[in-house]
Amino acid sequence: MDAVTYPEKDVVEFVEKNLIPVRIDINDTSFYEKYQLIWTPTTLVLDYYGKETQRSVGFFTPADFIVQLQLGIAKVRFSLEEFDAAEVILGELASSSSPSDVTPEAIYFRGVNLYKRDNDPTQLKKAWEILTKQYPDSIWTKRAAPYRLI
């Protein structure tokens, strides 16, 4: 990640604009224990209180790394009940013209976010329907399966 992803201009700009990056020394075992890190690189997105909302393990291309971070930021907004702010990000990730590995997860969480925001359970079923059509083999489609009963 040091050679390809981290120094990429788009990654640097995104991180500087949206996050407070912290790099942990691999010899700092207290951090490894606290966050149960088992492999490097591990990227965590934490909320304002240090609570983990997104965990990514392994190498990512610059574009894939940015969408992983975007999803993490959306989950921070969701966890803080900032549903409109989460919707902006999740909507963008869910309807992107260039889908990524996080797209099914974004669709899933978009349904959950809209349900929480609007108190409308049909949003959960809509997410399941989209996932079934676009990503039938995704783990997120399987996780959304109970929503078909709504």
N, C-alpha and C. Protein backbone atom coordinates (compact mmCIF):
# COMPACT_ATOMS: atom_id res chain seq x y z
N MET A 1 0.84 -1.18 0.00
CA MET A 1 0.00 0.00 0.00
C MET A 1 0.88 1.25 0.00
N ASP A 2 2.03 1.17 0.66
CA ASP A 2 2.94 2.32 0.69
C ASP A 2 3.43 2.70 -0.70
N ALA A 3 3.67 1.70 -1.54
CA ALA A 3 4.26 1.96 -2.85
C ALA A 3 3.23 2.41 -3.88
N VAL A 4 2.00 1.94 -3.78
CA VAL A 4 1.02 2.19 -4.83
C VAL A 4 -0.16 3.05 -4.35
N THR A 5 -0.79 2.65 -3.29
CA THR A 5 -2.07 3.25 -2.91
C THR A 5 -1.93 4.54 -2.11
N TYR A 6 -1.20 4.49 -1.01
CA TYR A 6 -1.12 5.66 -0.13
C TYR A 6 -0.60 6.92 -0.82
N PRO A 7 0.42 6.85 -1.66
CA PRO A 7 0.94 8.09 -2.27
C PRO A 7 0.11 8.60 -3.45
N GLU A 8 -0.87 7.83 -3.90
CA GLU A 8 -1.69 8.24 -5.04
C GLU A 8 -2.39 9.57 -4.73
N LYS A 9 -2.34 10.49 -5.67
CA LYS A 9 -2.88 11.85 -5.48
C LYS A 9 -4.34 11.83 -5.02
N ASP A 10 -5.19 11.03 -5.68
CA ASP A 10 -6.61 10.99 -5.30
C ASP A 10 -6.81 10.48 -3.88
N VAL A 11 -6.01 9.52 -3.48
CA VAL A 11 -6.09 8.98 -2.12
C VAL A 11 -5.68 10.04 -1.11
N VAL A 12 -4.56 10.69 -1.37
CA VAL A 12 -4.06 11.73 -0.46
C VAL A 12 -5.10 12.83 -0.31
N GLU A 13 -5.66 13.30 -1.42
CA GLU A 13 -6.67 14.37 -1.36
C GLU A 13 -7.91 13.92 -0.61
N PHE A 14 -8.38 12.70 -0.88
CA PHE A 14 -9.58 12.21 -0.20
C PHE A 14 -9.35 12.13 1.31
N VAL A 15 -8.24 11.54 1.70
CA VAL A 15 -7.95 11.38 3.13
C VAL A 15 -7.80 12.73 3.80
N GLU A 16 -7.05 13.65 3.19
CA GLU A 16 -6.86 14.97 3.79
C GLU A 16 -8.17 15.72 3.94
N LYS A 17 -9.09 15.54 3.01
CA LYS A 17 -10.37 16.26 3.03
C LYS A 17 -11.38 15.64 4.01
N ASN A 18 -11.32 14.32 4.20
CA ASN A 18 -12.40 13.63 4.89
C ASN A 18 -12.05 12.91 6.18
N LEU A 19 -10.78 12.70 6.46
CA LEU A 19 -10.40 11.85 7.58
C LEU A 19 -9.25 12.45 8.37
N ILE A 20 -9.02 11.88 9.52
CA ILE A 20 -7.82 12.19 10.31
C ILE A 20 -7.00 10.91 10.31
N PRO A 21 -6.00 10.82 9.43
CA PRO A 21 -5.26 9.56 9.33
C PRO A 21 -4.29 9.38 10.50
N VAL A 22 -4.20 8.15 10.96
CA VAL A 22 -3.26 7.79 12.01
C VAL A 22 -2.60 6.49 11.57
N ARG A 23 -1.30 6.49 11.62
CA ARG A 23 -0.57 5.27 11.28
C ARG A 23 0.04 4.73 12.57
N ILE A 24 -0.21 3.47 12.83
CA ILE A 24 0.23 2.85 14.08
C ILE A 24 1.50 2.04 13.83
N ASP A 25 2.44 2.19 14.73
CA ASP A 25 3.67 1.41 14.70
C ASP A 25 3.34 -0.07 14.93
N ILE A 26 3.85 -0.93 14.07
CA ILE A 26 3.53 -2.35 14.22
C ILE A 26 4.03 -2.94 15.53
N ASN A 27 4.92 -2.24 16.19
CA ASN A 27 5.41 -2.72 17.48
C ASN A 27 4.55 -2.26 18.66
N ASP A 28 3.53 -1.43 18.38
CA ASP A 28 2.62 -0.95 19.43
C ASP A 28 1.56 -2.02 19.68
N THR A 29 1.87 -2.97 20.51
CA THR A 29 0.98 -4.11 20.72
C THR A 29 -0.33 -3.73 21.41
N SER A 30 -0.34 -2.64 22.16
CA SER A 30 -1.59 -2.26 22.84
C SER A 30 -2.67 -1.92 21.82
N PHE A 31 -2.30 -1.25 20.75
CA PHE A 31 -3.28 -0.91 19.71
C PHE A 31 -3.74 -2.18 19.00
N TYR A 32 -2.80 -3.06 18.71
CA TYR A 32 -3.15 -4.32 18.06
C TYR A 32 -4.12 -5.12 18.90
N GLU A 33 -3.91 -5.15 20.18
CA GLU A 33 -4.80 -5.88 21.07
C GLU A 33 -6.16 -5.20 21.16
N LYS A 34 -6.17 -3.88 21.31
CA LYS A 34 -7.43 -3.15 21.44
C LYS A 34 -8.33 -3.36 20.23
N TYR A 35 -7.76 -3.32 19.04
CA TYR A 35 -8.55 -3.43 17.82
C TYR A 35 -8.45 -4.81 17.17
N GLN A 36 -7.87 -5.76 17.85
CA GLN A 36 -7.77 -7.14 17.39
C GLN A 36 -7.25 -7.23 15.95
N LEU A 37 -6.12 -6.60 15.73
CA LEU A 37 -5.50 -6.62 14.41
C LEU A 37 -4.74 -7.92 14.23
N ILE A 38 -5.02 -8.61 13.15
CA ILE A 38 -4.37 -9.90 12.93
C ILE A 38 -3.50 -9.93 11.68
N TRP A 39 -3.57 -8.88 10.86
CA TRP A 39 -2.79 -8.87 9.64
C TRP A 39 -2.62 -7.43 9.17
N THR A 40 -1.58 -7.21 8.39
CA THR A 40 -1.37 -5.88 7.82
C THR A 40 -1.35 -5.97 6.31
N PRO A 41 -1.76 -4.95 5.61
CA PRO A 41 -2.30 -3.73 6.19
C PRO A 41 -3.76 -3.91 6.61
N THR A 42 -4.10 -3.30 7.71
CA THR A 42 -5.49 -3.22 8.16
C THR A 42 -5.83 -1.74 8.25
N THR A 43 -6.94 -1.38 7.62
CA THR A 43 -7.42 -0.01 7.67
C THR A 43 -8.72 0.01 8.46
N LEU A 44 -8.77 0.85 9.47
CA LEU A 44 -9.98 1.01 10.28
C LEU A 44 -10.52 2.41 10.08
N VAL A 45 -11.83 2.52 10.00
CA VAL A 45 -12.48 3.83 10.07
C VAL A 45 -13.19 3.84 11.41
N LEU A 46 -12.83 4.83 12.22
CA LEU A 46 -13.39 4.96 13.56
C LEU A 46 -14.26 6.20 13.62
N ASP A 47 -15.29 6.17 14.48
CA ASP A 47 -16.09 7.37 14.66
C ASP A 47 -15.36 8.33 15.60
N TYR A 48 -16.03 9.39 15.97
CA TYR A 48 -15.41 10.44 16.79
C TYR A 48 -15.01 9.95 18.17
N TYR A 49 -15.57 8.82 18.58
CA TYR A 49 -15.32 8.28 19.91
C TYR A 49 -14.37 7.09 19.90
N GLY A 50 -13.83 6.77 18.74
CA GLY A 50 -12.91 5.65 18.62
C GLY A 50 -13.58 4.32 18.36
N LYS A 51 -14.88 4.33 18.08
CA LYS A 51 -15.61 3.09 17.80
C LYS A 51 -15.42 2.74 16.31
N GLU A 52 -15.06 1.50 16.06
CA GLU A 52 -14.83 1.03 14.70
C GLU A 52 -16.14 0.92 13.92
N THR A 53 -16.15 1.48 12.71
CA THR A 53 -17.31 1.32 11.84
C THR A 53 -16.98 0.57 10.56
N GLN A 54 -15.71 0.52 10.20
CA GLN A 54 -15.31 -0.17 8.97
C GLN A 54 -13.91 -0.75 9.15
N ARG A 55 -13.73 -1.97 8.68
CA ARG A 55 -12.43 -2.65 8.75
C ARG A 55 -12.15 -3.23 7.37
N SER A 56 -10.97 -2.92 6.87
CA SER A 56 -10.53 -3.46 5.58
C SER A 56 -9.15 -4.07 5.79
N VAL A 57 -8.99 -5.30 5.34
CA VAL A 57 -7.72 -5.99 5.51
C VAL A 57 -7.15 -6.33 4.14
N GLY A 58 -5.87 -6.05 3.97
CA GLY A 58 -5.19 -6.40 2.74
C GLY A 58 -5.00 -5.21 1.82
N PHE A 59 -4.44 -5.50 0.66
CA PHE A 59 -4.11 -4.48 -0.33
C PHE A 59 -5.36 -4.05 -1.10
N PHE A 60 -5.43 -2.75 -1.41
CA PHE A 60 -6.47 -2.20 -2.27
C PHE A 60 -5.83 -1.28 -3.29
N THR A 61 -6.38 -1.28 -4.49
CA THR A 61 -5.97 -0.28 -5.47
C THR A 61 -6.42 1.07 -4.94
N PRO A 62 -5.89 2.17 -5.46
CA PRO A 62 -6.34 3.48 -4.98
C PRO A 62 -7.85 3.67 -5.08
N ALA A 63 -8.45 3.31 -6.20
CA ALA A 63 -9.90 3.50 -6.36
C ALA A 63 -10.68 2.65 -5.35
N ASP A 64 -10.28 1.41 -5.18
CA ASP A 64 -10.97 0.54 -4.23
C ASP A 64 -10.77 0.99 -2.79
N PHE A 65 -9.60 1.53 -2.50
CA PHE A 65 -9.33 2.04 -1.16
C PHE A 65 -10.24 3.22 -0.84
N ILE A 66 -10.41 4.11 -1.79
CA ILE A 66 -11.28 5.28 -1.56
C ILE A 66 -12.71 4.85 -1.29
N VAL A 67 -13.25 3.89 -2.06
CA VAL A 67 -14.63 3.49 -1.81
C VAL A 67 -14.77 2.76 -0.47
N GLN A 68 -13.73 2.03 -0.05
CA GLN A 68 -13.75 1.43 1.28
C GLN A 68 -13.86 2.52 2.36
N LEU A 69 -13.08 3.57 2.18
CA LEU A 69 -13.12 4.69 3.13
C LEU A 69 -14.46 5.40 3.09
N GLN A 70 -15.02 5.59 1.90
CA GLN A 70 -16.33 6.23 1.78
C GLN A 70 -17.39 5.42 2.53
N LEU A 71 -17.36 4.12 2.36
CA LEU A 71 -18.31 3.27 3.07
C LEU A 71 -18.13 3.42 4.58
N GLY A 72 -16.90 3.47 5.03
CA GLY A 72 -16.64 3.66 6.45
C GLY A 72 -17.19 4.98 6.97
N ILE A 73 -17.02 6.03 6.19
CA ILE A 73 -17.54 7.35 6.58
C ILE A 73 -19.07 7.30 6.63
N ALA A 74 -19.69 6.65 5.65
CA ALA A 74 -21.15 6.52 5.67
C ALA A 74 -21.62 5.79 6.92
N LYS A 75 -20.88 4.77 7.32
CA LYS A 75 -21.25 4.03 8.53
C LYS A 75 -21.05 4.87 9.79
N VAL A 76 -20.06 5.74 9.79
CA VAL A 76 -19.91 6.68 10.91
C VAL A 76 -21.15 7.55 10.99
N ARG A 77 -21.54 8.13 9.86
CA ARG A 77 -22.73 9.00 9.84
C ARG A 77 -23.97 8.23 10.31
N PHE A 78 -24.11 7.00 9.82
CA PHE A 78 -25.25 6.18 10.22
C PHE A 78 -25.23 5.92 11.72
N SER A 79 -24.08 5.55 12.25
CA SER A 79 -23.99 5.21 13.68
C SER A 79 -24.29 6.41 14.57
N LEU A 80 -24.06 7.60 14.04
CA LEU A 80 -24.36 8.83 14.79
C LEU A 80 -25.76 9.36 14.48
N GLU A 81 -26.53 8.56 13.76
CA GLU A 81 -27.89 8.90 13.35
C GLU A 81 -27.94 10.15 12.48
N GLU A 82 -26.90 10.36 11.72
CA GLU A 82 -26.85 11.43 10.72
C GLU A 82 -27.28 10.80 9.39
N PHE A 83 -28.56 10.43 9.34
CA PHE A 83 -29.06 9.61 8.24
C PHE A 83 -29.01 10.31 6.89
N ASP A 84 -29.27 11.61 6.85
CA ASP A 84 -29.20 12.32 5.57
C ASP A 84 -27.77 12.35 5.03
N ALA A 85 -26.81 12.58 5.91
CA ALA A 85 -25.41 12.59 5.48
C ALA A 85 -24.98 11.19 5.02
N ALA A 86 -25.43 10.16 5.72
CA ALA A 86 -25.12 8.79 5.31
C ALA A 86 -25.75 8.48 3.96
N GLU A 87 -26.96 8.97 3.74
CA GLU A 87 -27.67 8.71 2.48
C GLU A 87 -26.93 9.28 1.28
N VAL A 88 -26.35 10.45 1.44
CA VAL A 88 -25.60 11.05 0.33
C VAL A 88 -24.49 10.10 -0.12
N ILE A 89 -23.74 9.59 0.83
CA ILE A 89 -22.61 8.71 0.50
C ILE A 89 -23.10 7.35 0.03
N LEU A 90 -24.02 6.75 0.76
CA LEU A 90 -24.51 5.42 0.39
C LEU A 90 -25.22 5.45 -0.96
N GLY A 91 -25.98 6.50 -1.21
CA GLY A 91 -26.64 6.63 -2.51
C GLY A 91 -25.65 6.68 -3.65
N GLU A 92 -24.57 7.42 -3.44
CA GLU A 92 -23.53 7.52 -4.46
C GLU A 92 -22.85 6.16 -4.68
N LEU A 93 -22.52 5.48 -3.61
CA LEU A 93 -21.86 4.18 -3.73
C LEU A 93 -22.79 3.13 -4.34
N ALA A 94 -24.07 3.17 -3.97
CA ALA A 94 -25.03 2.17 -4.44
C ALA A 94 -25.38 2.33 -5.91
N SER A 95 -25.33 3.55 -6.40
CA SER A 95 -25.75 3.80 -7.78
C SER A 95 -24.61 4.23 -8.69
N SER A 96 -23.40 3.97 -8.28
CA SER A 96 -22.23 4.37 -9.06
C SER A 96 -22.25 3.72 -10.44
N SER A 97 -21.81 4.48 -11.43
CA SER A 97 -21.72 3.93 -12.79
C SER A 97 -20.56 2.95 -12.92
N SER A 98 -19.67 2.96 -11.94
CA SER A 98 -18.59 1.96 -11.92
C SER A 98 -18.63 1.22 -10.59
N PRO A 99 -19.45 0.16 -10.52
CA PRO A 99 -19.60 -0.59 -9.27
C PRO A 99 -18.26 -1.13 -8.78
N SER A 100 -18.18 -1.31 -7.47
CA SER A 100 -16.97 -1.83 -6.84
C SER A 100 -17.36 -2.99 -5.93
N ASP A 101 -16.37 -3.52 -5.26
CA ASP A 101 -16.64 -4.61 -4.32
C ASP A 101 -17.53 -4.19 -3.17
N VAL A 102 -17.60 -2.90 -2.87
CA VAL A 102 -18.43 -2.45 -1.75
C VAL A 102 -19.86 -2.13 -2.17
N THR A 103 -20.15 -2.16 -3.45
CA THR A 103 -21.49 -1.77 -3.91
C THR A 103 -22.60 -2.59 -3.25
N PRO A 104 -22.53 -3.91 -3.20
CA PRO A 104 -23.61 -4.65 -2.53
C PRO A 104 -23.78 -4.27 -1.06
N GLU A 105 -22.67 -4.07 -0.36
CA GLU A 105 -22.75 -3.65 1.04
C GLU A 105 -23.37 -2.27 1.16
N ALA A 106 -23.03 -1.38 0.23
CA ALA A 106 -23.60 -0.03 0.24
C ALA A 106 -25.11 -0.08 -0.01
N ILE A 107 -25.55 -0.94 -0.92
CA ILE A 107 -26.99 -1.09 -1.18
C ILE A 107 -27.69 -1.59 0.08
N TYR A 108 -27.11 -2.58 0.72
CA TYR A 108 -27.67 -3.12 1.95
C TYR A 108 -27.81 -2.03 3.01
N PHE A 109 -26.72 -1.33 3.27
CA PHE A 109 -26.75 -0.30 4.32
C PHE A 109 -27.59 0.90 3.92
N ARG A 110 -27.72 1.15 2.64
CA ARG A 110 -28.61 2.23 2.21
C ARG A 110 -30.05 1.89 2.60
N GLY A 111 -30.45 0.65 2.37
CA GLY A 111 -31.79 0.23 2.79
C GLY A 111 -31.99 0.36 4.28
N VAL A 112 -31.00 -0.05 5.05
CA VAL A 112 -31.07 0.06 6.52
C VAL A 112 -31.13 1.52 6.94
N ASN A 113 -30.30 2.34 6.33
CA ASN A 113 -30.26 3.77 6.65
C ASN A 113 -31.60 4.44 6.35
N LEU A 114 -32.17 4.14 5.18
CA LEU A 114 -33.45 4.75 4.81
C LEU A 114 -34.57 4.25 5.72
N TYR A 115 -34.50 2.99 6.10
CA TYR A 115 -35.47 2.46 7.06
C TYR A 115 -35.40 3.23 8.38
N LYS A 116 -34.18 3.40 8.88
CA LYS A 116 -34.01 4.12 10.15
C LYS A 116 -34.43 5.59 10.02
N ARG A 117 -34.06 6.20 8.89
CA ARG A 117 -34.36 7.62 8.71
C ARG A 117 -35.86 7.87 8.59
N ASP A 118 -36.52 7.05 7.77
CA ASP A 118 -37.93 7.29 7.44
C ASP A 118 -38.90 6.42 8.21
N ASN A 119 -38.38 5.49 9.02
CA ASN A 119 -39.22 4.52 9.71
C ASN A 119 -40.11 3.78 8.71
N ASP A 120 -39.48 3.37 7.60
CA ASP A 120 -40.20 2.75 6.50
C ASP A 120 -39.57 1.39 6.18
N PRO A 121 -40.16 0.30 6.68
CA PRO A 121 -39.57 -1.01 6.46
C PRO A 121 -39.53 -1.45 5.00
N THR A 122 -40.34 -0.83 4.15
CA THR A 122 -40.29 -1.22 2.73
C THR A 122 -38.94 -0.88 2.10
N GLN A 123 -38.20 0.04 2.71
CA GLN A 123 -36.86 0.35 2.21
C GLN A 123 -35.93 -0.86 2.32
N LEU A 124 -36.14 -1.67 3.34
CA LEU A 124 -35.35 -2.89 3.50
C LEU A 124 -35.65 -3.88 2.38
N LYS A 125 -36.94 -4.01 2.07
CA LYS A 125 -37.33 -4.92 0.99
C LYS A 125 -36.81 -4.42 -0.35
N LYS A 126 -36.85 -3.12 -0.57
CA LYS A 126 -36.33 -2.56 -1.82
C LYS A 126 -34.84 -2.87 -1.97
N ALA A 127 -34.10 -2.75 -0.88
CA ALA A 127 -32.67 -3.08 -0.93
C ALA A 127 -32.48 -4.54 -1.30
N TRP A 128 -33.25 -5.42 -0.70
CA TRP A 128 -33.16 -6.85 -1.02
C TRP A 128 -33.48 -7.09 -2.49
N GLU A 129 -34.51 -6.42 -3.02
CA GLU A 129 -34.88 -6.60 -4.43
C GLU A 129 -33.75 -6.16 -5.36
N ILE A 130 -33.14 -5.03 -5.05
CA ILE A 130 -32.01 -4.55 -5.87
C ILE A 130 -30.85 -5.54 -5.79
N LEU A 131 -30.54 -5.98 -4.60
CA LEU A 131 -29.45 -6.93 -4.42
C LEU A 131 -29.72 -8.24 -5.16
N THR A 132 -30.95 -8.72 -5.09
CA THR A 132 -31.31 -9.97 -5.76
C THR A 132 -31.11 -9.87 -7.27
N LYS A 133 -31.49 -8.73 -7.83
CA LYS A 133 -31.36 -8.53 -9.28
C LYS A 133 -29.92 -8.29 -9.71
N GLN A 134 -29.21 -7.46 -8.97
CA GLN A 134 -27.89 -7.03 -9.41
C GLN A 134 -26.74 -7.87 -8.86
N TYR A 135 -26.92 -8.44 -7.67
CA TYR A 135 -25.84 -9.18 -7.00
C TYR A 135 -26.39 -10.45 -6.35
N PRO A 136 -26.96 -11.35 -7.14
CA PRO A 136 -27.63 -12.51 -6.54
C PRO A 136 -26.74 -13.41 -5.69
N ASP A 137 -25.44 -13.42 -5.95
CA ASP A 137 -24.53 -14.30 -5.20
C ASP A 137 -23.79 -13.60 -4.07
N SER A 138 -24.11 -12.34 -3.82
CA SER A 138 -23.41 -11.58 -2.79
C SER A 138 -23.83 -12.02 -1.39
N ILE A 139 -22.89 -11.99 -0.47
CA ILE A 139 -23.20 -12.25 0.94
C ILE A 139 -24.22 -11.24 1.46
N TRP A 140 -24.20 -10.03 0.91
CA TRP A 140 -25.14 -8.99 1.35
C TRP A 140 -26.55 -9.30 0.89
N THR A 141 -26.71 -9.97 -0.23
CA THR A 141 -28.02 -10.42 -0.68
C THR A 141 -28.55 -11.47 0.28
N LYS A 142 -27.69 -12.37 0.69
CA LYS A 142 -28.09 -13.40 1.65
C LYS A 142 -28.46 -12.78 2.99
N ARG A 143 -27.70 -11.79 3.42
CA ARG A 143 -28.00 -11.13 4.70
C ARG A 143 -29.31 -10.35 4.65
N ALA A 144 -29.67 -9.90 3.46
CA ALA A 144 -30.91 -9.13 3.30
C ALA A 144 -32.12 -10.03 3.06
N ALA A 145 -31.91 -11.33 2.90
CA ALA A 145 -33.00 -12.25 2.55
C ALA A 145 -34.23 -12.16 3.45
N PRO A 146 -34.10 -11.98 4.76
CA PRO A 146 -35.31 -11.88 5.58
C PRO A 146 -36.22 -10.70 5.20
N TYR A 147 -35.65 -9.69 4.56
CA TYR A 147 -36.44 -8.51 4.20
C TYR A 147 -37.43 -8.81 3.08
N ARG A 148 -37.27 -9.93 2.39
CA ARG A 148 -38.21 -10.29 1.33
C ARG A 148 -39.61 -10.53 1.90
N LEU A 149 -39.68 -10.80 3.19
CA LEU A 149 -40.95 -11.10 3.85
C LEU A 149 -41.73 -9.85 4.23
N ILE A 150 -41.13 -8.70 4.05
CA ILE A 150 -41.80 -7.44 4.43
C ILE A 150 -42.84 -7.09 3.39
